[in-house]
Amino acid sequence: MAVKVHVKKGDRVYVLSGKDKGKSGTILRVLPKENRVVVEGINIVKKHTRPTRTNTQGGIIESPAPINASKVMLICRHCNKPTRVRRERGEKGVRRICKRCEEAID
């Protein structure tokens, strides 16, 4: 069952726990069914590839792997600090609001 994730693709987030604790990055992909997100520059894994026609060299490729969405916190665009999010319904639909500065995030 898919869970409503508190972040979207393109959001800047702060990592709360794990080997990359304290780092921040931009969300590249959201996987709501697994409740995971892929963040640029976070949880980098190395994949060993064989030489193929498209990749004649082969070698080791580094790419970001998914982490749990509960381990990231949204960085507000206005106050530039990690914050929790409140949802508010309006004429334009559901908006996310920063709990620190009370400004609309989107």
Foldseek 3Di string as FASTA:
>chain_A
DFDDFPDDAQFKKAFCDDPRHGDIFGWHDADRVVQKTWGPPPQKDWDFFDADPVRNVTGIDIDTDIDHSVRIFTQAPPVRHGFHWDWDQDPVGIWTAGPPPRDTRD
